[in-house]
PDB file of all heavy atoms in Angstrom:
ATOM      1  N   VAL A   1      -4.188  -6.616  -0.342  1.00  0.00           N
ATOM      2  CA  VAL A   1      -3.668  -7.289  -1.530  1.00  0.00           C
ATOM      3  C   VAL A   1      -2.134  -7.351  -1.433  1.00  0.00           C
ATOM      4  O   VAL A   1      -1.459  -6.343  -1.190  1.00  0.00           O
ATOM      5  CB  VAL A   1      -4.100  -6.519  -2.823  1.00  0.00           C
ATOM      6  CG1 VAL A   1      -3.422  -7.173  -4.048  1.00  0.00           C
ATOM      7  CG2 VAL A   1      -5.584  -6.545  -2.976  1.00  0.00           C
ATOM      8  N   ILE A   2      -1.585  -8.551  -1.610  1.00  0.00           N
ATOM      9  CA  ILE A   2      -0.124  -8.709  -1.584  1.00  0.00           C
ATOM     10  C   ILE A   2       0.426  -8.332  -2.950  1.00  0.00           C
ATOM     11  O   ILE A   2       0.086  -8.931  -3.965  1.00  0.00           O
ATOM     12  CB  ILE A   2       0.277 -10.144  -1.208  1.00  0.00           C
ATOM     13  CG1 ILE A   2      -0.279 -10.503   0.191  1.00  0.00           C
ATOM     14  CG2 ILE A   2       1.790 -10.316  -1.266  1.00  0.00           C
ATOM     15  CD1 ILE A   2      -0.104 -11.983   0.539  1.00  0.00           C
ATOM     16  N   HIS A   3       1.363  -7.347  -2.942  1.00  0.00           N
ATOM     17  CA  HIS A   3       1.975  -6.932  -4.199  1.00  0.00           C
ATOM     18  C   HIS A   3       3.397  -7.485  -4.253  1.00  0.00           C
ATOM     19  O   HIS A   3       4.116  -7.464  -3.228  1.00  0.00           O
ATOM     20  CB  HIS A   3       2.068  -5.379  -4.267  1.00  0.00           C
ATOM     21  CG  HIS A   3       0.724  -4.722  -4.484  1.00  0.00           C
ATOM     22  ND1 HIS A   3      -0.272  -4.746  -3.558  1.00  0.00           N
ATOM     23  CD2 HIS A   3       0.257  -4.054  -5.563  1.00  0.00           C
ATOM     24  CE1 HIS A   3      -1.317  -4.060  -4.038  1.00  0.00           C
ATOM     25  NE2 HIS A   3      -1.032  -3.631  -5.237  1.00  0.00           N
ATOM     26  N   PRO A   4       3.832  -8.032  -5.361  1.00  0.00           N
ATOM     27  CA  PRO A   4       5.194  -8.512  -5.493  1.00  0.00           C
ATOM     28  C   PRO A   4       6.172  -7.397  -5.218  1.00  0.00           C
ATOM     29  O   PRO A   4       5.942  -6.225  -5.609  1.00  0.00           O
ATOM     30  CB  PRO A   4       5.306  -8.978  -6.924  1.00  0.00           C
ATOM     31  CG  PRO A   4       3.909  -9.202  -7.399  1.00  0.00           C
ATOM     32  CD  PRO A   4       3.073  -8.186  -6.639  1.00  0.00           C
ATOM     33  N   TYR A   5       7.223  -7.689  -4.547  1.00  0.00           N
ATOM     34  CA  TYR A   5       8.278  -6.671  -4.231  1.00  0.00           C
ATOM     35  C   TYR A   5       9.506  -6.990  -5.077  1.00  0.00           C
ATOM     36  O   TYR A   5       9.907  -8.153  -5.123  1.00  0.00           O
ATOM     37  CB  TYR A   5       8.624  -6.652  -2.783  1.00  0.00           C
ATOM     38  CG  TYR A   5       9.712  -5.693  -2.425  1.00  0.00           C
ATOM     39  CD1 TYR A   5       9.405  -4.374  -2.164  1.00  0.00           C
ATOM     40  CD2 TYR A   5      11.054  -6.085  -2.425  1.00  0.00           C
ATOM     41  CE1 TYR A   5      10.420  -3.436  -1.884  1.00  0.00           C
ATOM     42  CE2 TYR A   5      12.048  -5.163  -2.178  1.00  0.00           C
ATOM     43  CZ  TYR A   5      11.756  -3.869  -1.897  1.00  0.00           C
ATOM     44  OH  TYR A   5      12.758  -2.933  -1.630  1.00  0.00           O
ATOM     45  N   PRO A   6      10.118  -6.045  -5.720  1.00  0.00           N
ATOM     46  CA  PRO A   6       9.709  -4.634  -5.810  1.00  0.00           C
ATOM     47  C   PRO A   6       8.994  -4.404  -7.141  1.00  0.00           C
ATOM     48  O   PRO A   6       9.455  -4.813  -8.197  1.00  0.00           O
ATOM     49  CB  PRO A   6      11.046  -3.903  -5.763  1.00  0.00           C
ATOM     50  CG  PRO A   6      12.006  -4.845  -6.449  1.00  0.00           C
ATOM     51  CD  PRO A   6      11.518  -6.260  -6.215  1.00  0.00           C
ATOM     52  N   THR A   7       7.884  -3.740  -7.077  1.00  0.00           N
ATOM     53  CA  THR A   7       7.203  -3.235  -8.299  1.00  0.00           C
ATOM     54  C   THR A   7       6.747  -1.821  -8.028  1.00  0.00           C
ATOM     55  O   THR A   7       6.582  -1.384  -6.889  1.00  0.00           O
ATOM     56  CB  THR A   7       5.966  -4.123  -8.604  1.00  0.00           C
ATOM     57  OG1 THR A   7       5.065  -4.030  -7.507  1.00  0.00           O
ATOM     58  CG2 THR A   7       6.325  -5.545  -8.877  1.00  0.00           C
ATOM     59  N   GLN A   8       6.536  -1.098  -9.156  1.00  0.00           N
ATOM     60  CA  GLN A   8       6.056   0.285  -8.989  1.00  0.00           C
ATOM     61  C   GLN A   8       4.613   0.318  -8.543  1.00  0.00           C
ATOM     62  O   GLN A   8       4.191   1.306  -7.903  1.00  0.00           O
ATOM     63  CB  GLN A   8       6.285   1.042 -10.293  1.00  0.00           C
ATOM     64  CG  GLN A   8       7.748   1.230 -10.630  1.00  0.00           C
ATOM     65  CD  GLN A   8       7.948   2.344 -11.632  1.00  0.00           C
ATOM     66  OE1 GLN A   8       7.152   3.230 -11.823  1.00  0.00           O
ATOM     67  NE2 GLN A   8       9.119   2.301 -12.291  1.00  0.00           N
ATOM     68  N   ALA A   9       3.860  -0.724  -8.812  1.00  0.00           N
ATOM     69  CA  ALA A   9       2.456  -0.772  -8.334  1.00  0.00           C
ATOM     70  C   ALA A   9       2.373  -0.810  -6.797  1.00  0.00           C
ATOM     71  O   ALA A   9       1.297  -0.626  -6.250  1.00  0.00           O
ATOM     72  CB  ALA A   9       1.760  -2.005  -8.897  1.00  0.00           C
ATOM     73  N   GLU A  10       3.532  -1.050  -6.145  1.00  0.00           N
ATOM     74  CA  GLU A  10       3.522  -0.976  -4.668  1.00  0.00           C
ATOM     75  C   GLU A  10       3.087   0.419  -4.222  1.00  0.00           C
ATOM     76  O   GLU A  10       2.661   0.580  -3.063  1.00  0.00           O
ATOM     77  CB  GLU A  10       4.903  -1.304  -4.169  1.00  0.00           C
ATOM     78  CG  GLU A  10       4.939  -1.565  -2.664  1.00  0.00           C
ATOM     79  CD  GLU A  10       6.341  -1.843  -2.128  1.00  0.00           C
ATOM     80  OE1 GLU A  10       7.300  -1.746  -2.909  1.00  0.00           O
ATOM     81  OE2 GLU A  10       6.456  -2.116  -0.925  1.00  0.00           O
ATOM     82  N   GLY A  11       3.247   1.418  -5.071  1.00  0.00           N
ATOM     83  CA  GLY A  11       2.761   2.762  -4.710  1.00  0.00           C
ATOM     84  C   GLY A  11       1.260   2.805  -4.402  1.00  0.00           C
ATOM     85  O   GLY A  11       0.806   3.568  -3.556  1.00  0.00           O
ATOM     86  N   ILE A  12       0.512   1.928  -5.088  1.00  0.00           N
ATOM     87  CA  ILE A  12      -0.926   1.815  -4.848  1.00  0.00           C
ATOM     88  C   ILE A  12      -1.170   1.232  -3.430  1.00  0.00           C
ATOM     89  O   ILE A  12      -2.014   1.686  -2.673  1.00  0.00           O
ATOM     90  CB  ILE A  12      -1.606   0.957  -5.898  1.00  0.00           C
ATOM     91  CG1 ILE A  12      -1.458   1.666  -7.266  1.00  0.00           C
ATOM     92  CG2 ILE A  12      -3.087   0.759  -5.613  1.00  0.00           C
ATOM     93  CD1 ILE A  12      -1.889   0.831  -8.466  1.00  0.00           C
ATOM     94  N   LYS A  13      -0.410   0.173  -3.095  1.00  0.00           N
ATOM     95  CA  LYS A  13      -0.573  -0.451  -1.782  1.00  0.00           C
ATOM     96  C   LYS A  13      -0.134   0.553  -0.685  1.00  0.00           C
ATOM     97  O   LYS A  13      -0.744   0.612   0.360  1.00  0.00           O
ATOM     98  CB  LYS A  13       0.275  -1.702  -1.698  1.00  0.00           C
ATOM     99  CG  LYS A  13       0.183  -2.417  -0.320  1.00  0.00           C
ATOM    100  CD  LYS A  13       0.885  -3.737  -0.311  1.00  0.00           C
ATOM    101  CE  LYS A  13       0.815  -4.391   1.098  1.00  0.00           C
ATOM    102  NZ  LYS A  13      -0.531  -4.613   1.543  1.00  0.00           N
ATOM    103  N   LYS A  14       0.914   1.309  -0.952  1.00  0.00           N
ATOM    104  CA  LYS A  14       1.350   2.335   0.038  1.00  0.00           C
ATOM    105  C   LYS A  14       0.214   3.330   0.313  1.00  0.00           C
ATOM    106  O   LYS A  14      -0.004   3.745   1.432  1.00  0.00           O
ATOM    107  CB  LYS A  14       2.569   3.059  -0.439  1.00  0.00           C
ATOM    108  CG  LYS A  14       3.915   2.251  -0.262  1.00  0.00           C
ATOM    109  CD  LYS A  14       5.065   3.066  -0.834  1.00  0.00           C
ATOM    110  CE  LYS A  14       6.394   2.376  -0.484  1.00  0.00           C
ATOM    111  NZ  LYS A  14       6.765   2.531   0.939  1.00  0.00           N
ATOM    112  N   ALA A  15      -0.510   3.689  -0.768  1.00  0.00           N
ATOM    113  CA  ALA A  15      -1.617   4.646  -0.555  1.00  0.00           C
ATOM    114  C   ALA A  15      -2.722   4.006   0.257  1.00  0.00           C
ATOM    115  O   ALA A  15      -3.326   4.630   1.147  1.00  0.00           O
ATOM    116  CB  ALA A  15      -2.168   5.056  -1.949  1.00  0.00           C
ATOM    117  N   ALA A  16      -3.011   2.723  -0.017  1.00  0.00           N
ATOM    118  CA  ALA A  16      -4.065   1.997   0.758  1.00  0.00           C
ATOM    119  C   ALA A  16      -3.610   1.843   2.237  1.00  0.00           C
ATOM    120  O   ALA A  16      -4.436   1.995   3.146  1.00  0.00           O
ATOM    121  CB  ALA A  16      -4.291   0.626   0.127  1.00  0.00           C
ATOM    122  N   ASP A  17      -2.319   1.517   2.435  1.00  0.00           N
ATOM    123  CA  ASP A  17      -1.818   1.405   3.819  1.00  0.00           C
ATOM    124  C   ASP A  17      -1.913   2.753   4.541  1.00  0.00           C
ATOM    125  O   ASP A  17      -2.178   2.791   5.754  1.00  0.00           O
ATOM    126  CB  ASP A  17      -0.368   0.905   3.797  1.00  0.00           C
ATOM    127  CG  ASP A  17      -0.245  -0.544   3.421  1.00  0.00           C
ATOM    128  OD1 ASP A  17      -1.273  -1.253   3.466  1.00  0.00           O
ATOM    129  OD2 ASP A  17       0.880  -0.991   3.100  1.00  0.00           O
ATOM    130  N   ALA A  18      -1.622   3.802   3.816  1.00  0.00           N
ATOM    131  CA  ALA A  18      -1.706   5.145   4.421  1.00  0.00           C
ATOM    132  C   ALA A  18      -3.128   5.434   4.905  1.00  0.00           C
ATOM    133  O   ALA A  18      -3.318   6.083   5.945  1.00  0.00           O
ATOM    134  CB  ALA A  18      -1.233   6.232   3.440  1.00  0.00           C
ATOM    135  N   TYR A  19      -4.105   4.968   4.142  1.00  0.00           N
ATOM    136  CA  TYR A  19      -5.500   5.157   4.595  1.00  0.00           C
ATOM    137  C   TYR A  19      -5.758   4.372   5.862  1.00  0.00           C
ATOM    138  O   TYR A  19      -6.367   4.875   6.825  1.00  0.00           O
ATOM    139  CB  TYR A  19      -6.464   4.700   3.502  1.00  0.00           C
ATOM    140  CG  TYR A  19      -7.885   4.559   4.005  1.00  0.00           C
ATOM    141  CD1 TYR A  19      -8.652   5.710   4.256  1.00  0.00           C
ATOM    142  CD2 TYR A  19      -8.410   3.308   4.356  1.00  0.00           C
ATOM    143  CE1 TYR A  19      -9.948   5.583   4.787  1.00  0.00           C
ATOM    144  CE2 TYR A  19      -9.686   3.178   4.907  1.00  0.00           C
ATOM    145  CZ  TYR A  19     -10.444   4.340   5.111  1.00  0.00           C
ATOM    146  OH  TYR A  19     -11.705   4.245   5.653  1.00  0.00           O
ATOM    147  N   ARG A  20      -5.300   3.145   5.940  1.00  0.00           N
ATOM    148  CA  ARG A  20      -5.549   2.323   7.127  1.00  0.00           C
ATOM    149  C   ARG A  20      -4.926   2.929   8.357  1.00  0.00           C
ATOM    150  O   ARG A  20      -5.495   2.818   9.457  1.00  0.00           O
ATOM    151  CB  ARG A  20      -5.000   0.890   6.904  1.00  0.00           C
ATOM    152  CG  ARG A  20      -5.749   0.134   5.825  1.00  0.00           C
ATOM    153  CD  ARG A  20      -5.417  -1.322   5.832  1.00  0.00           C
ATOM    154  NE  ARG A  20      -6.081  -2.009   6.947  1.00  0.00           N
ATOM    155  CZ  ARG A  20      -6.182  -3.358   7.018  1.00  0.00           C
ATOM    156  NH1 ARG A  20      -5.595  -4.125   6.109  1.00  0.00           N
ATOM    157  NH2 ARG A  20      -6.797  -3.933   8.015  1.00  0.00           N
ATOM    158  N   ARG A  21      -3.798   3.593   8.204  1.00  0.00           N
ATOM    159  CA  ARG A  21      -3.193   4.203   9.340  1.00  0.00           C
ATOM    160  C   ARG A  21      -4.027   5.354   9.891  1.00  0.00           C
ATOM    161  O   ARG A  21      -3.971   5.711  11.074  1.00  0.00           O
ATOM    162  CB  ARG A  21      -1.779   4.720   8.981  1.00  0.00           C
ATOM    163  CG  ARG A  21      -0.761   3.587   8.865  1.00  0.00           C
ATOM    164  CD  ARG A  21       0.638   4.108   8.854  1.00  0.00           C
ATOM    165  NE  ARG A  21       0.942   4.917   7.644  1.00  0.00           N
ATOM    166  CZ  ARG A  21       1.342   4.422   6.497  1.00  0.00           C
ATOM    167  NH1 ARG A  21       1.536   3.118   6.375  1.00  0.00           N
ATOM    168  NH2 ARG A  21       1.609   5.226   5.484  1.00  0.00           N
ATOM    169  N   THR A  22      -4.858   5.973   9.028  1.00  0.00           N
ATOM    170  CA  THR A  22      -5.708   7.072   9.465  1.00  0.00           C
ATOM    171  C   THR A  22      -6.833   6.547  10.391  1.00  0.00           C
ATOM    172  O   THR A  22      -7.464   7.351  11.086  1.00  0.00           O
ATOM    173  CB  THR A  22      -6.356   7.823   8.317  1.00  0.00           C
ATOM    174  OG1 THR A  22      -7.251   6.963   7.602  1.00  0.00           O
ATOM    175  CG2 THR A  22      -5.271   8.334   7.343  1.00  0.00           C
ATOM    176  N   LEU A  23      -7.057   5.240  10.400  1.00  0.00           N
ATOM    177  CA  LEU A  23      -8.145   4.646  11.208  1.00  0.00           C
ATOM    178  C   LEU A  23      -7.717   4.493  12.642  1.00  0.00           C
ATOM    179  O   LEU A  23      -8.538   4.215  13.508  1.00  0.00           O
ATOM    180  CB  LEU A  23      -8.554   3.326  10.588  1.00  0.00           C
ATOM    181  CG  LEU A  23      -9.072   3.334   9.141  1.00  0.00           C
ATOM    182  CD1 LEU A  23      -9.451   1.935   8.722  1.00  0.00           C
ATOM    183  CD2 LEU A  23     -10.239   4.291   8.983  1.00  0.00           C
ATOM    184  N   LEU A  24      -6.404   4.557  12.868  1.00  0.00           N
ATOM    185  CA  LEU A  24      -5.912   4.392  14.261  1.00  0.00           C
ATOM    186  C   LEU A  24      -6.195   5.640  15.037  1.00  0.00           C
ATOM    187  O   LEU A  24      -5.665   6.729  14.754  1.00  0.00           O
ATOM    188  CB  LEU A  24      -4.419   4.046  14.204  1.00  0.00           C
ATOM    189  CG  LEU A  24      -4.037   2.707  13.617  1.00  0.00           C
ATOM    190  CD1 LEU A  24      -2.511   2.610  13.504  1.00  0.00           C
ATOM    191  CD2 LEU A  24      -4.593   1.585  14.415  1.00  0.00           C
TER     192      LEU A  24
END
């Protein structure tokens, strides 16, 4: 999901991106 930058909801996307990095 593309989040507008900068918003505080980007913290949610950061959490989701952190999960994807665990798949590597």
